[in-house]
Protein backbone atom coordinates (compact mmCIF):
# COMPACT_ATOMS: atom_id res chain seq x y z
CA MET A 1 16.35 -16.39 -62.64
CA ARG A 2 16.85 -19.00 -65.28
CA VAL A 3 18.70 -22.22 -64.45
CA THR A 4 20.27 -24.87 -66.67
CA MET A 5 21.14 -28.13 -64.89
CA LEU A 6 23.03 -31.15 -66.21
CA LEU A 7 23.85 -34.51 -64.62
CA CYS A 8 27.40 -35.59 -65.38
CA ASP A 9 30.27 -37.77 -64.24
CA ALA A 10 32.38 -34.77 -63.17
CA ALA A 11 32.34 -30.98 -63.55
CA GLN A 12 34.46 -27.97 -62.69
CA VAL A 13 34.37 -24.21 -63.10
CA ALA A 14 37.37 -22.29 -64.44
CA ASP A 15 37.35 -18.67 -65.57
CA GLY A 16 33.56 -18.58 -65.20
CA LYS A 17 33.06 -21.50 -67.62
CA LEU A 18 31.73 -24.99 -66.92
CA TYR A 19 33.83 -27.97 -67.90
CA VAL A 20 31.74 -31.16 -68.01
CA LEU A 21 32.87 -34.78 -68.29
CA GLY A 22 30.34 -37.45 -69.22
CA GLY A 23 27.36 -35.10 -69.21
CA GLY A 24 23.71 -35.58 -70.01
CA TRP A 25 22.90 -38.96 -68.52
CA SER A 26 19.73 -40.06 -66.70
CA LEU A 27 20.64 -43.68 -65.87
CA ILE A 28 23.37 -44.72 -63.43
CA GLY A 29 24.61 -47.75 -61.53
CA PRO A 30 23.67 -50.22 -60.28
CA ASP A 31 26.90 -49.87 -58.28
CA PRO A 32 27.49 -46.57 -56.45
CA MET A 33 29.63 -44.24 -58.52
CA PRO A 34 30.73 -40.60 -58.42
CA SER A 35 28.49 -38.05 -60.10
CA ALA A 36 28.16 -34.30 -60.48
CA ILE A 37 25.70 -31.56 -61.31
CA ALA A 38 26.70 -28.68 -63.55
CA LEU A 39 24.62 -25.52 -62.98
CA LYS A 40 24.42 -22.35 -65.05
CA ILE A 41 22.34 -19.69 -63.35
CA ASP A 42 21.29 -16.60 -65.31
CA VAL A 43 20.82 -13.86 -62.73
CA ASP A 44 18.37 -11.14 -63.78
CA TRP A 45 19.76 -7.60 -64.01
CA ASN A 46 17.61 -6.45 -61.09
CA GLU A 47 19.04 -9.24 -58.89
CA ILE A 48 22.69 -8.34 -59.44
CA ASP A 49 24.72 -7.07 -56.45
CA GLN A 50 22.47 -9.01 -54.05
CA PRO A 51 23.35 -12.12 -52.05
CA HIS A 52 21.53 -15.29 -53.15
CA HIS A 53 21.20 -18.59 -51.30
CA TRP A 54 20.74 -21.95 -53.04
CA GLU A 55 19.88 -25.41 -51.75
CA LEU A 56 19.91 -28.73 -53.60
CA PHE A 57 18.02 -31.76 -52.24
CA LEU A 58 18.02 -35.39 -53.39
CA VAL A 59 14.60 -37.05 -53.07
CA ASP A 60 13.24 -40.48 -53.99
CA GLU A 61 10.36 -41.18 -56.37
CA ASP A 62 7.86 -40.45 -53.57
CA GLY A 63 9.45 -37.06 -52.82
CA ASN A 64 11.05 -38.22 -49.56
CA PRO A 65 14.59 -37.08 -48.70
CA VAL A 66 17.29 -39.63 -49.50
CA ILE A 67 19.15 -40.46 -46.30
CA ALA A 68 22.81 -41.52 -46.08
CA GLU A 69 25.06 -42.33 -43.15
CA GLY A 70 27.18 -39.28 -42.35
CA LEU A 71 29.77 -38.31 -39.76
CA GLU A 72 26.98 -37.31 -37.36
CA GLY A 73 24.67 -40.24 -38.13
CA PRO A 74 21.94 -40.51 -40.79
CA GLN A 75 21.53 -37.30 -42.81
CA ALA A 76 19.56 -36.16 -45.84
CA ILE A 77 21.67 -35.79 -49.00
CA GLU A 78 21.63 -32.05 -49.61
CA VAL A 79 24.03 -29.19 -50.28
CA ARG A 80 23.75 -25.44 -49.81
CA GLY A 81 25.67 -22.38 -50.83
CA ASP A 82 25.59 -18.69 -51.58
CA PHE A 83 26.52 -16.53 -54.53
CA GLU A 84 26.50 -12.87 -55.47
CA VAL A 85 27.03 -11.45 -58.94
CA GLY A 86 28.61 -8.06 -59.44
CA ARG A 87 27.58 -5.70 -62.22
CA PRO A 88 30.13 -6.34 -65.00
CA VAL A 89 31.36 -3.38 -67.03
CA ALA A 90 31.18 -5.10 -70.43
CA VAL A 91 27.58 -6.37 -70.14
CA PRO A 92 24.81 -4.14 -71.56
CA GLU A 93 22.32 -2.84 -69.01
CA GLY A 94 19.33 -5.16 -68.61
CA SER A 95 21.25 -8.31 -69.61
CA PRO A 96 21.30 -11.34 -67.32
CA VAL A 97 24.66 -12.27 -65.80
CA ASP A 98 25.55 -15.93 -65.49
CA VAL A 99 27.00 -17.89 -62.60
CA ALA A 100 28.52 -21.34 -63.08
CA LEU A 101 28.53 -23.94 -60.29
CA ALA A 102 29.98 -27.46 -60.32
CA LEU A 103 28.84 -29.83 -57.57
CA ASN A 104 30.75 -33.11 -57.41
CA PHE A 105 29.61 -36.05 -55.28
CA GLY A 106 31.35 -39.23 -54.25
CA PRO A 107 29.52 -42.52 -54.70
CA LEU A 108 26.00 -42.12 -53.27
CA PRO A 109 24.27 -45.07 -51.54
CA LEU A 110 21.28 -45.34 -53.87
CA ALA A 111 18.95 -48.33 -54.18
CA SER A 112 19.12 -50.15 -57.51
CA GLY A 113 16.13 -50.07 -59.84
CA ALA A 114 14.81 -46.82 -58.35
CA ARG A 115 14.01 -43.27 -59.48
CA TYR A 116 15.47 -40.12 -57.90
CA ARG A 117 15.31 -36.35 -58.38
CA TRP A 118 17.58 -33.45 -57.46
CA ASN A 119 15.52 -30.34 -56.56
CA LEU A 120 17.06 -26.87 -56.57
CA VAL A 121 15.76 -23.97 -54.48
CA ILE A 122 17.12 -20.41 -54.87
CA ASP A 123 16.21 -17.72 -52.34
CA GLY A 124 13.35 -19.91 -51.08
CA THR A 125 11.88 -20.33 -54.58
CA ALA A 126 11.59 -23.66 -56.38
CA SER A 127 10.58 -24.38 -59.97
CA ASP A 128 9.64 -27.61 -61.76
CA GLU A 129 12.30 -26.65 -64.29
CA TRP A 130 14.95 -26.60 -61.55
CA SER A 131 15.07 -30.36 -61.05
CA LEU A 132 16.92 -33.33 -62.53
CA SER A 133 15.46 -36.83 -62.52
CA PHE A 134 17.45 -40.02 -62.98
CA SER A 135 17.13 -43.76 -62.42
CA THR A 136 19.45 -46.47 -61.13
CA ARG A 137 19.87 -49.68 -63.09
CA PRO A 138 18.48 -52.89 -61.57
CA ALA A 139 20.92 -54.98 -59.52
CA ARG A 140 22.96 -57.52 -61.46
CA GLU A 141 22.01 -61.16 -61.25
CA ASP A 142 25.03 -63.32 -60.33
């Protein structure tokens, strides 16, 4: 599989296409603000008509999970999902088939002046190319 990932302010999927607002940044904050990740996954022909599981994890610069207060107490910031691509009639045999995903997040409690990375895992496989790094601006001096 091939994956294209983009940090953005907001994203949505309609009719199989990604719509991105404020995309392509790598610096945010310092105040918590909403963000999103737009994903385009090219599924290989031999992986069509099979269920696939994805997981996305937010880690700090040391590779430790980023923890936030949740409804059930402190929890790692992570999301999971599944997708399956059917064999489209109009696509030539052997061609990859794409899947678009838009993951929107409310303001995340991130430390200012720090570095973070979103790591994607599909079907238990990770790739250095399936990650997005970003930094938070230093806190404002009042």
